[in-house]
Amino acid sequence: MKNVVLYIRSNTVERLSKNGVRNQKKECLNYISQRGWNLLKIFKEKVTSSKHPRTTGMSQLMKFCRENKEEIGFVVVYDINRFAQTPAELISRHNYFRKLGITVFSVTRI
């Protein structure tokens, strides 16, 4: 059984939409369950401004994965645009987790 962590991010506008935290969590938990994976922890990020995004949840996720890399197989996100906001950020974060031996899975994109 693979151990996974879940990262959920939404902004105030999306809170009630299909990209809201509740829907992201529901879809991701279904994805994890269907594969028989073991969820270790959920990290949530609520962004209030794209000009000054807080990345406390991502920082906590990265630290947790670094400290527990032997136990974690995957990071699951709802959509890749929930994981990173720019191509450079996506590449940087993907490489960070890859170096730890952790694969990032997006529920909505292959």
C-alpha atoms as a PDB file:
ATOM      1  CA  MET A   1       0.000   0.000   0.000  1.00  0.00           C
ATOM      2  CA  LYS A   2       1.329   3.427  -0.961  1.00  0.00           C
ATOM      3  CA  ASN A   3       1.267   6.278   1.514  1.00  0.00           C
ATOM      4  CA  VAL A   4       0.145   9.622   0.153  1.00  0.00           C
ATOM      5  CA  VAL A   5      -0.367  13.204   1.251  1.00  0.00           C
ATOM      6  CA  LEU A   6      -3.017  15.520  -0.130  1.00  0.00           C
ATOM      7  CA  TYR A   7      -2.591  19.195  -1.018  1.00  0.00           C
ATOM      8  CA  ILE A   8      -5.689  21.366  -1.494  1.00  0.00           C
ATOM      9  CA  ARG A   9      -5.601  25.035  -2.520  1.00  0.00           C
ATOM     10  CA  SER A  10      -8.406  27.441  -3.249  1.00  0.00           C
ATOM     11  CA  ASN A  11      -8.983  31.162  -3.297  1.00  0.00           C
ATOM     12  CA  THR A  12     -11.901  33.089  -1.828  1.00  0.00           C
ATOM     13  CA  VAL A  13     -13.721  33.299  -5.190  1.00  0.00           C
ATOM     14  CA  GLU A  14     -13.592  29.522  -5.691  1.00  0.00           C
ATOM     15  CA  ARG A  15     -14.736  28.647  -2.206  1.00  0.00           C
ATOM     16  CA  LEU A  16     -18.216  27.568  -3.312  1.00  0.00           C
ATOM     17  CA  SER A  17     -17.401  26.483  -6.873  1.00  0.00           C
ATOM     18  CA  LYS A  18     -16.341  23.096  -8.211  1.00  0.00           C
ATOM     19  CA  ASN A  19     -12.750  24.112  -7.412  1.00  0.00           C
ATOM     20  CA  GLY A  20     -13.680  24.804  -3.789  1.00  0.00           C
ATOM     21  CA  VAL A  21     -12.032  23.000  -0.911  1.00  0.00           C
ATOM     22  CA  ARG A  22     -14.948  20.612  -0.290  1.00  0.00           C
ATOM     23  CA  ASN A  23     -15.097  19.394  -3.867  1.00  0.00           C
ATOM     24  CA  GLN A  24     -11.330  19.124  -4.207  1.00  0.00           C
ATOM     25  CA  LYS A  25     -11.158  17.090  -1.019  1.00  0.00           C
ATOM     26  CA  LYS A  26     -14.038  14.813  -2.073  1.00  0.00           C
ATOM     27  CA  GLU A  27     -12.579  14.119  -5.532  1.00  0.00           C
ATOM     28  CA  CYS A  28      -9.075  13.549  -4.171  1.00  0.00           C
ATOM     29  CA  LEU A  29     -10.254  11.214  -1.410  1.00  0.00           C
ATOM     30  CA  ASN A  30     -12.194   9.179  -3.993  1.00  0.00           C
ATOM     31  CA  TYR A  31      -9.074   9.015  -6.198  1.00  0.00           C
ATOM     32  CA  ILE A  32      -6.947   7.851  -3.265  1.00  0.00           C
ATOM     33  CA  SER A  33      -9.529   5.312  -2.108  1.00  0.00           C
ATOM     34  CA  GLN A  34     -10.005   3.811  -5.584  1.00  0.00           C
ATOM     35  CA  ARG A  35      -6.284   3.050  -5.723  1.00  0.00           C
ATOM     36  CA  GLY A  36      -6.108   1.576  -2.241  1.00  0.00           C
ATOM     37  CA  TRP A  37      -3.615   4.195  -1.076  1.00  0.00           C
ATOM     38  CA  ASN A  38      -3.164   5.229   2.549  1.00  0.00           C
ATOM     39  CA  LEU A  39      -3.686   8.934   3.290  1.00  0.00           C
ATOM     40  CA  LEU A  40      -1.173  10.238   5.822  1.00  0.00           C
ATOM     41  CA  LYS A  41      -2.079  13.922   5.973  1.00  0.00           C
ATOM     42  CA  ILE A  42      -4.035  16.728   4.282  1.00  0.00           C
ATOM     43  CA  PHE A  43      -2.495  20.155   3.674  1.00  0.00           C
ATOM     44  CA  LYS A  44      -4.819  23.067   2.877  1.00  0.00           C
ATOM     45  CA  GLU A  45      -4.025  26.445   1.391  1.00  0.00           C
ATOM     46  CA  LYS A  46      -6.499  29.327   1.274  1.00  0.00           C
ATOM     47  CA  VAL A  47      -5.191  32.046  -1.000  1.00  0.00           C
ATOM     48  CA  THR A  48      -6.756  35.460  -0.545  1.00  0.00           C
ATOM     49  CA  SER A  49      -4.723  37.414  -3.116  1.00  0.00           C
ATOM     50  CA  SER A  50      -2.755  36.424  -6.190  1.00  0.00           C
ATOM     51  CA  LYS A  51      -0.507  39.452  -5.677  1.00  0.00           C
ATOM     52  CA  HIS A  52       0.474  38.283  -2.207  1.00  0.00           C
ATOM     53  CA  PRO A  53      -0.223  34.561  -2.037  1.00  0.00           C
ATOM     54  CA  ARG A  54       0.429  32.808   1.241  1.00  0.00           C
ATOM     55  CA  THR A  55       2.069  29.465   0.798  1.00  0.00           C
ATOM     56  CA  THR A  56       1.969  28.222   4.374  1.00  0.00           C
ATOM     57  CA  GLY A  57       0.262  24.980   3.354  1.00  0.00           C
ATOM     58  CA  MET A  58       2.789  24.313   0.592  1.00  0.00           C
ATOM     59  CA  SER A  59       5.684  25.084   2.947  1.00  0.00           C
ATOM     60  CA  GLN A  60       4.257  22.661   5.504  1.00  0.00           C
ATOM     61  CA  LEU A  61       3.753  20.032   2.786  1.00  0.00           C
ATOM     62  CA  MET A  62       7.330  20.380   1.545  1.00  0.00           C
ATOM     63  CA  LYS A  63       8.747  20.168   5.060  1.00  0.00           C
ATOM     64  CA  PHE A  64       6.587  17.149   5.954  1.00  0.00           C
ATOM     65  CA  CYS A  65       7.631  15.339   2.769  1.00  0.00           C
ATOM     66  CA  ARG A  66      11.309  16.138   3.320  1.00  0.00           C
ATOM     67  CA  GLU A  67      11.130  14.805   6.883  1.00  0.00           C
ATOM     68  CA  ASN A  68       9.081  11.707   5.947  1.00  0.00           C
ATOM     69  CA  LYS A  69      10.258  10.970   2.403  1.00  0.00           C
ATOM     70  CA  GLU A  70      10.838   7.268   3.106  1.00  0.00           C
ATOM     71  CA  GLU A  71       7.172   6.844   4.015  1.00  0.00           C
ATOM     72  CA  ILE A  72       5.542   8.861   1.199  1.00  0.00           C
ATOM     73  CA  GLY A  73       5.002   7.646  -2.350  1.00  0.00           C
ATOM     74  CA  PHE A  74       2.781  10.373  -3.756  1.00  0.00           C
ATOM     75  CA  VAL A  75       1.456  13.892  -3.357  1.00  0.00           C
ATOM     76  CA  VAL A  76      -2.111  14.088  -4.669  1.00  0.00           C
ATOM     77  CA  VAL A  77      -3.619  17.366  -5.908  1.00  0.00           C
ATOM     78  CA  TYR A  78      -7.004  18.068  -7.461  1.00  0.00           C
ATOM     79  CA  ASP A  79      -5.599  19.887 -10.477  1.00  0.00           C
ATOM     80  CA  ILE A  80      -2.074  20.859 -11.422  1.00  0.00           C
ATOM     81  CA  ASN A  81      -3.057  24.540 -11.302  1.00  0.00           C
ATOM     82  CA  ARG A  82      -3.857  23.971  -7.605  1.00  0.00           C
ATOM     83  CA  PHE A  83      -0.254  22.795  -7.127  1.00  0.00           C
ATOM     84  CA  ALA A  84       1.485  25.745  -8.811  1.00  0.00           C
ATOM     85  CA  GLN A  85       0.437  29.052 -10.327  1.00  0.00           C
ATOM     86  CA  THR A  86       3.208  29.518 -12.901  1.00  0.00           C
ATOM     87  CA  PRO A  87       5.171  27.155 -15.165  1.00  0.00           C
ATOM     88  CA  ALA A  88       8.396  28.019 -13.320  1.00  0.00           C
ATOM     89  CA  GLU A  89       6.781  27.261  -9.968  1.00  0.00           C
ATOM     90  CA  LEU A  90       5.413  23.982 -11.323  1.00  0.00           C
ATOM     91  CA  ILE A  91       8.839  22.859 -12.552  1.00  0.00           C
ATOM     92  CA  SER A  92      10.521  23.884  -9.304  1.00  0.00           C
ATOM     93  CA  ARG A  93       8.005  22.083  -7.102  1.00  0.00           C
ATOM     94  CA  HIS A  94       7.883  19.002  -9.321  1.00  0.00           C
ATOM     95  CA  ASN A  95      11.693  18.744  -9.189  1.00  0.00           C
ATOM     96  CA  TYR A  96      11.693  19.207  -5.419  1.00  0.00           C
ATOM     97  CA  PHE A  97       9.382  16.246  -4.879  1.00  0.00           C
ATOM     98  CA  ARG A  98      11.057  14.141  -7.573  1.00  0.00           C
ATOM     99  CA  LYS A  99      14.403  14.529  -5.780  1.00  0.00           C
ATOM    100  CA  LEU A 100      12.719  13.209  -2.635  1.00  0.00           C
ATOM    101  CA  GLY A 101      11.466  10.190  -4.612  1.00  0.00           C
ATOM    102  CA  ILE A 102       7.856  11.381  -4.422  1.00  0.00           C
ATOM    103  CA  THR A 103       5.530  11.529  -7.447  1.00  0.00           C
ATOM    104  CA  VAL A 104       2.867  14.229  -7.826  1.00  0.00           C
ATOM    105  CA  PHE A 105      -0.529  13.058  -9.100  1.00  0.00           C
ATOM    106  CA  SER A 106      -3.271  15.354 -10.381  1.00  0.00           C
ATOM    107  CA  VAL A 107      -6.789  13.934 -10.079  1.00  0.00           C
ATOM    108  CA  THR A 108      -8.141  15.866 -13.078  1.00  0.00           C
ATOM    109  CA  ARG A 109      -5.183  15.640 -15.467  1.00  0.00           C
ATOM    110  CA  ILE A 110      -3.033  12.770 -16.598  1.00  0.00           C
END
